[in-house]
Amino acid sequence: MKAKTVKIGNNLAFMIPQSIAAKCRLEENDSFDFSLRKDEIVIRSINKRYNLSDLLAGITQENLHEEVGRDEPVGKEIL
């Protein structure tokens, strides 16, 4: 896939096609790291993507808290 650069102020920019952005789950205001590898530009997303299994693996007895919000109804809650 080809793209052309456009000048924005003193910088050059290019558009990422929607099909690639969707596949990589890119969103507006995501952050990236740019580097050079020989004559290639390497672009890496530096936004942390969380997944449930990694988050659950981080739960230990030391950081596990007690159950909350199990008091008696105080208004017109549906039980």
C-alpha atoms as a PDB file:
ATOM      1  CA  MET A   1       0.000   0.000   0.000  1.00  0.00           C
ATOM      2  CA  LYS A   2       1.379   3.411  -0.944  1.00  0.00           C
ATOM      3  CA  ALA A   3       0.969   6.765   0.773  1.00  0.00           C
ATOM      4  CA  LYS A   4       2.272  10.284   0.203  1.00  0.00           C
ATOM      5  CA  THR A   5       3.544  12.677   2.812  1.00  0.00           C
ATOM      6  CA  VAL A   6       1.866  16.020   3.477  1.00  0.00           C
ATOM      7  CA  LYS A   7       3.447  19.019   5.149  1.00  0.00           C
ATOM      8  CA  ILE A   8       1.899  20.156   8.433  1.00  0.00           C
ATOM      9  CA  GLY A   9       3.802  23.137   9.799  1.00  0.00           C
ATOM     10  CA  ASN A  10       7.482  22.162   9.755  1.00  0.00           C
ATOM     11  CA  ASN A  11       6.697  18.442   9.868  1.00  0.00           C
ATOM     12  CA  LEU A  12       5.809  15.760   7.367  1.00  0.00           C
ATOM     13  CA  ALA A  13       2.818  13.504   8.005  1.00  0.00           C
ATOM     14  CA  PHE A  14       1.066  10.634   6.285  1.00  0.00           C
ATOM     15  CA  MET A  15      -2.327   9.020   6.634  1.00  0.00           C
ATOM     16  CA  ILE A  16      -2.751   5.466   7.903  1.00  0.00           C
ATOM     17  CA  PRO A  17      -5.462   3.746   5.842  1.00  0.00           C
ATOM     18  CA  GLN A  18      -8.569   2.792   7.832  1.00  0.00           C
ATOM     19  CA  SER A  19      -8.127  -0.915   7.029  1.00  0.00           C
ATOM     20  CA  ILE A  20      -4.671  -0.926   8.652  1.00  0.00           C
ATOM     21  CA  ALA A  21      -5.777   1.262  11.582  1.00  0.00           C
ATOM     22  CA  ALA A  22      -8.680  -1.094  12.311  1.00  0.00           C
ATOM     23  CA  LYS A  23      -6.515  -4.208  12.125  1.00  0.00           C
ATOM     24  CA  CYS A  24      -3.981  -2.653  14.522  1.00  0.00           C
ATOM     25  CA  ARG A  25      -6.746  -1.232  16.755  1.00  0.00           C
ATOM     26  CA  LEU A  26      -5.394   2.303  16.380  1.00  0.00           C
ATOM     27  CA  GLU A  27      -7.380   5.187  17.780  1.00  0.00           C
ATOM     28  CA  GLU A  28      -7.123   8.956  17.674  1.00  0.00           C
ATOM     29  CA  ASN A  29      -4.390  10.320  19.988  1.00  0.00           C
ATOM     30  CA  ASP A  30      -2.533   6.980  20.247  1.00  0.00           C
ATOM     31  CA  SER A  31       1.219   7.422  20.833  1.00  0.00           C
ATOM     32  CA  PHE A  32       3.988   5.954  18.687  1.00  0.00           C
ATOM     33  CA  ASP A  33       7.719   5.433  18.721  1.00  0.00           C
ATOM     34  CA  PHE A  34       9.579   6.049  15.455  1.00  0.00           C
ATOM     35  CA  SER A  35      13.002   4.585  14.722  1.00  0.00           C
ATOM     36  CA  LEU A  36      15.221   3.861  11.745  1.00  0.00           C
ATOM     37  CA  ARG A  37      16.377   0.410  10.674  1.00  0.00           C
ATOM     38  CA  LYS A  38      18.827   0.788   7.800  1.00  0.00           C
ATOM     39  CA  ASP A  39      16.719   2.674   5.225  1.00  0.00           C
ATOM     40  CA  GLU A  40      13.314   1.828   6.754  1.00  0.00           C
ATOM     41  CA  ILE A  41      11.109   3.768   9.148  1.00  0.00           C
ATOM     42  CA  VAL A  42       9.824   1.535  11.960  1.00  0.00           C
ATOM     43  CA  ILE A  43       6.646   2.676  13.735  1.00  0.00           C
ATOM     44  CA  ARG A  44       5.592   1.012  17.006  1.00  0.00           C
ATOM     45  CA  SER A  45       2.558   1.768  19.107  1.00  0.00           C
ATOM     46  CA  ILE A  46       3.514   2.589  22.691  1.00  0.00           C
ATOM     47  CA  ASN A  47      -0.037   2.451  24.046  1.00  0.00           C
ATOM     48  CA  LYS A  48      -0.521  -0.356  26.516  1.00  0.00           C
ATOM     49  CA  ARG A  49      -3.218  -2.762  25.387  1.00  0.00           C
ATOM     50  CA  TYR A  50      -4.711  -4.694  28.287  1.00  0.00           C
ATOM     51  CA  ASN A  51      -6.290  -8.106  28.138  1.00  0.00           C
ATOM     52  CA  LEU A  52      -8.316  -9.789  30.852  1.00  0.00           C
ATOM     53  CA  SER A  53      -6.044 -12.797  31.389  1.00  0.00           C
ATOM     54  CA  ASP A  54      -2.995 -10.545  32.030  1.00  0.00           C
ATOM     55  CA  LEU A  55      -4.980  -8.383  34.456  1.00  0.00           C
ATOM     56  CA  LEU A  56      -6.339 -11.396  36.352  1.00  0.00           C
ATOM     57  CA  ALA A  57      -2.849 -12.905  36.563  1.00  0.00           C
ATOM     58  CA  GLY A  58      -1.773  -9.808  38.506  1.00  0.00           C
ATOM     59  CA  ILE A  59      -4.245 -10.434  41.350  1.00  0.00           C
ATOM     60  CA  THR A  60      -2.592 -11.699  44.521  1.00  0.00           C
ATOM     61  CA  GLN A  61      -3.707 -12.178  48.129  1.00  0.00           C
ATOM     62  CA  GLU A  62      -1.800  -8.968  48.986  1.00  0.00           C
ATOM     63  CA  ASN A  63      -3.706  -6.746  46.523  1.00  0.00           C
ATOM     64  CA  LEU A  64      -7.111  -8.458  46.679  1.00  0.00           C
ATOM     65  CA  HIS A  65      -9.682  -6.297  48.463  1.00  0.00           C
ATOM     66  CA  GLU A  66     -12.851  -7.212  50.297  1.00  0.00           C
ATOM     67  CA  GLU A  67     -16.187  -7.298  48.514  1.00  0.00           C
ATOM     68  CA  VAL A  68     -17.862  -3.869  48.358  1.00  0.00           C
ATOM     69  CA  GLY A  69     -21.379  -2.604  47.765  1.00  0.00           C
ATOM     70  CA  ARG A  70     -23.260  -5.457  49.453  1.00  0.00           C
ATOM     71  CA  ASP A  71     -25.154  -3.313  51.991  1.00  0.00           C
ATOM     72  CA  GLU A  72     -28.891  -3.329  52.481  1.00  0.00           C
ATOM     73  CA  PRO A  73     -30.968  -1.359  49.942  1.00  0.00           C
ATOM     74  CA  VAL A  74     -31.320   2.332  50.850  1.00  0.00           C
ATOM     75  CA  GLY A  75     -33.640   3.532  48.082  1.00  0.00           C
ATOM     76  CA  LYS A  76     -35.718   2.007  45.344  1.00  0.00           C
ATOM     77  CA  GLU A  77     -33.144  -0.433  44.022  1.00  0.00           C
ATOM     78  CA  ILE A  78     -34.446  -3.378  42.038  1.00  0.00           C
ATOM     79  CA  LEU A  79     -33.573  -6.549  43.874  1.00  0.00           C
END
